[in-house]
């Protein structure tokens, strides 16, 4: 059972919605960054513009980070904090 106030629940849901929107944008940027044309220049005669695309690995790291944040806030909302724990036994009779 989740023991959160309704205002906190609304805040967390809003955060999750914003992160999901950011994830959609990051995924679209990642797909664009996979295009082989990384750097190009446009010259119209009246002015020129140089465009450089982002590194796909940096975008992939951002996507992973956003997904982790979404998972964290979803667990917080559902009241399921820890998802995995590793326990080790001490050897018997020793330190």
C-alpha atoms as a PDB file:
ATOM      1  CA  UNK A   1       0.000   0.000   0.000  1.00  0.00           C
ATOM      2  CA  UNK A   2       1.364   3.381  -0.973  1.00  0.00           C
ATOM      3  CA  UNK A   3       1.352   5.963   1.812  1.00  0.00           C
ATOM      4  CA  UNK A   4       1.726   9.109  -0.258  1.00  0.00           C
ATOM      5  CA  UNK A   5      -0.364  12.239  -0.084  1.00  0.00           C
ATOM      6  CA  UNK A   6      -2.459  12.995  -3.140  1.00  0.00           C
ATOM      7  CA  UNK A   7      -0.384  16.104  -3.912  1.00  0.00           C
ATOM      8  CA  UNK A   8       2.798  13.985  -3.908  1.00  0.00           C
ATOM      9  CA  UNK A   9       1.157  11.372  -6.138  1.00  0.00           C
ATOM     10  CA  UNK A  10       0.164  14.105  -8.602  1.00  0.00           C
ATOM     11  CA  UNK A  11       3.702  15.503  -8.528  1.00  0.00           C
ATOM     12  CA  UNK A  12       5.254  12.096  -9.208  1.00  0.00           C
ATOM     13  CA  UNK A  13       2.788  11.387 -12.028  1.00  0.00           C
ATOM     14  CA  UNK A  14       3.648  14.752 -13.575  1.00  0.00           C
ATOM     15  CA  UNK A  15       7.360  13.966 -13.295  1.00  0.00           C
ATOM     16  CA  UNK A  16       6.838  10.589 -14.994  1.00  0.00           C
ATOM     17  CA  UNK A  17       4.821  12.226 -17.798  1.00  0.00           C
ATOM     18  CA  UNK A  18       7.555  14.833 -18.373  1.00  0.00           C
ATOM     19  CA  UNK A  19      10.251  12.164 -18.407  1.00  0.00           C
ATOM     20  CA  UNK A  20       8.272  10.083 -20.905  1.00  0.00           C
ATOM     21  CA  UNK A  21       7.985  13.140 -23.187  1.00  0.00           C
ATOM     22  CA  UNK A  22      11.744  13.704 -22.856  1.00  0.00           C
ATOM     23  CA  UNK A  23      12.324  10.039 -23.695  1.00  0.00           C
ATOM     24  CA  UNK A  24      10.324  10.365 -26.933  1.00  0.00           C
ATOM     25  CA  UNK A  25      12.428  13.394 -27.937  1.00  0.00           C
ATOM     26  CA  UNK A  26      15.691  11.653 -26.986  1.00  0.00           C
ATOM     27  CA  UNK A  27      14.750   8.556 -29.010  1.00  0.00           C
ATOM     28  CA  UNK A  28      13.951  10.722 -32.053  1.00  0.00           C
ATOM     29  CA  UNK A  29      17.267  12.577 -31.661  1.00  0.00           C
ATOM     30  CA  UNK A  30      19.098   9.273 -31.376  1.00  0.00           C
ATOM     31  CA  UNK A  31      17.578   8.004 -34.619  1.00  0.00           C
ATOM     32  CA  UNK A  32      18.549  11.261 -36.354  1.00  0.00           C
ATOM     33  CA  UNK A  33      22.094  11.022 -34.985  1.00  0.00           C
ATOM     34  CA  UNK A  34      22.493   7.615 -36.640  1.00  0.00           C
ATOM     35  CA  UNK A  35      22.391   9.416 -39.999  1.00  0.00           C
ATOM     36  CA  UNK A  36      25.916   9.325 -41.483  1.00  0.00           C
ATOM     37  CA  UNK A  37      25.887  13.086 -42.257  1.00  0.00           C
ATOM     38  CA  UNK A  38      27.235  14.366 -38.935  1.00  0.00           C
ATOM     39  CA  UNK A  39      28.374  17.838 -39.985  1.00  0.00           C
ATOM     40  CA  UNK A  40      27.204  19.971 -42.890  1.00  0.00           C
ATOM     41  CA  UNK A  41      26.974  23.580 -44.018  1.00  0.00           C
ATOM     42  CA  UNK A  42      24.098  25.354 -45.761  1.00  0.00           C
ATOM     43  CA  UNK A  43      24.891  28.507 -47.772  1.00  0.00           C
ATOM     44  CA  UNK A  44      21.920  30.375 -49.261  1.00  0.00           C
ATOM     45  CA  UNK A  45      23.904  33.311 -50.652  1.00  0.00           C
ATOM     46  CA  UNK A  46      22.475  35.627 -48.005  1.00  0.00           C
ATOM     47  CA  UNK A  47      24.035  33.728 -45.143  1.00  0.00           C
ATOM     48  CA  UNK A  48      25.428  30.403 -44.154  1.00  0.00           C
ATOM     49  CA  UNK A  49      24.666  28.016 -41.361  1.00  0.00           C
ATOM     50  CA  UNK A  50      26.717  25.155 -40.022  1.00  0.00           C
ATOM     51  CA  UNK A  51      24.980  22.227 -38.337  1.00  0.00           C
ATOM     52  CA  UNK A  52      26.650  19.549 -36.258  1.00  0.00           C
ATOM     53  CA  UNK A  53      24.712  16.592 -34.936  1.00  0.00           C
ATOM     54  CA  UNK A  54      25.178  15.026 -31.519  1.00  0.00           C
ATOM     55  CA  UNK A  55      27.114  11.872 -30.820  1.00  0.00           C
ATOM     56  CA  UNK A  56      24.816   8.799 -30.802  1.00  0.00           C
ATOM     57  CA  UNK A  57      26.572   7.281 -27.773  1.00  0.00           C
ATOM     58  CA  UNK A  58      25.918  10.410 -25.706  1.00  0.00           C
ATOM     59  CA  UNK A  59      22.266  10.296 -26.697  1.00  0.00           C
ATOM     60  CA  UNK A  60      22.095   6.605 -25.825  1.00  0.00           C
ATOM     61  CA  UNK A  61      23.471   7.414 -22.359  1.00  0.00           C
ATOM     62  CA  UNK A  62      20.799  10.103 -21.974  1.00  0.00           C
ATOM     63  CA  UNK A  63      18.075   7.657 -23.006  1.00  0.00           C
ATOM     64  CA  UNK A  64      19.318   5.111 -20.466  1.00  0.00           C
ATOM     65  CA  UNK A  65      19.370   7.766 -17.749  1.00  0.00           C
ATOM     66  CA  UNK A  66      15.819   8.906 -18.533  1.00  0.00           C
ATOM     67  CA  UNK A  67      14.586   5.296 -18.504  1.00  0.00           C
ATOM     68  CA  UNK A  68      16.179   4.748 -15.087  1.00  0.00           C
ATOM     69  CA  UNK A  69      14.502   7.873 -13.749  1.00  0.00           C
ATOM     70  CA  UNK A  70      11.131   6.721 -15.076  1.00  0.00           C
ATOM     71  CA  UNK A  71      11.659   3.324 -13.414  1.00  0.00           C
ATOM     72  CA  UNK A  72      12.652   5.003 -10.126  1.00  0.00           C
ATOM     73  CA  UNK A  73       9.613   7.285 -10.001  1.00  0.00           C
ATOM     74  CA  UNK A  74       7.281   4.470 -11.047  1.00  0.00           C
ATOM     75  CA  UNK A  75       8.601   2.293  -8.211  1.00  0.00           C
ATOM     76  CA  UNK A  76       8.250   5.236  -5.828  1.00  0.00           C
ATOM     77  CA  UNK A  77       4.662   5.765  -6.949  1.00  0.00           C
ATOM     78  CA  UNK A  78       3.820   2.068  -6.530  1.00  0.00           C
ATOM     79  CA  UNK A  79       5.630   1.793  -3.196  1.00  0.00           C
ATOM     80  CA  UNK A  80       8.161  -0.778  -4.402  1.00  0.00           C
ATOM     81  CA  UNK A  81      11.508   0.852  -3.544  1.00  0.00           C
ATOM     82  CA  UNK A  82      14.137  -1.902  -3.735  1.00  0.00           C
ATOM     83  CA  UNK A  83      13.930  -4.130  -6.792  1.00  0.00           C
ATOM     84  CA  UNK A  84      17.009  -6.316  -6.255  1.00  0.00           C
ATOM     85  CA  UNK A  85      19.267  -7.161  -3.346  1.00  0.00           C
ATOM     86  CA  UNK A  86      22.315  -9.409  -3.104  1.00  0.00           C
ATOM     87  CA  UNK A  87      22.978 -11.031   0.282  1.00  0.00           C
ATOM     88  CA  UNK A  88      26.137 -12.904   1.238  1.00  0.00           C
ATOM     89  CA  UNK A  89      26.650 -15.211   4.193  1.00  0.00           C
ATOM     90  CA  UNK A  90      29.651 -14.892   6.406  1.00  0.00           C
ATOM     91  CA  UNK A  91      31.657 -18.091   6.671  1.00  0.00           C
ATOM     92  CA  UNK A  92      30.872 -20.085   9.797  1.00  0.00           C
ATOM     93  CA  UNK A  93      33.460 -19.804  12.567  1.00  0.00           C
ATOM     94  CA  UNK A  94      35.502 -17.032  10.981  1.00  0.00           C
ATOM     95  CA  UNK A  95      35.643 -13.281  10.740  1.00  0.00           C
END
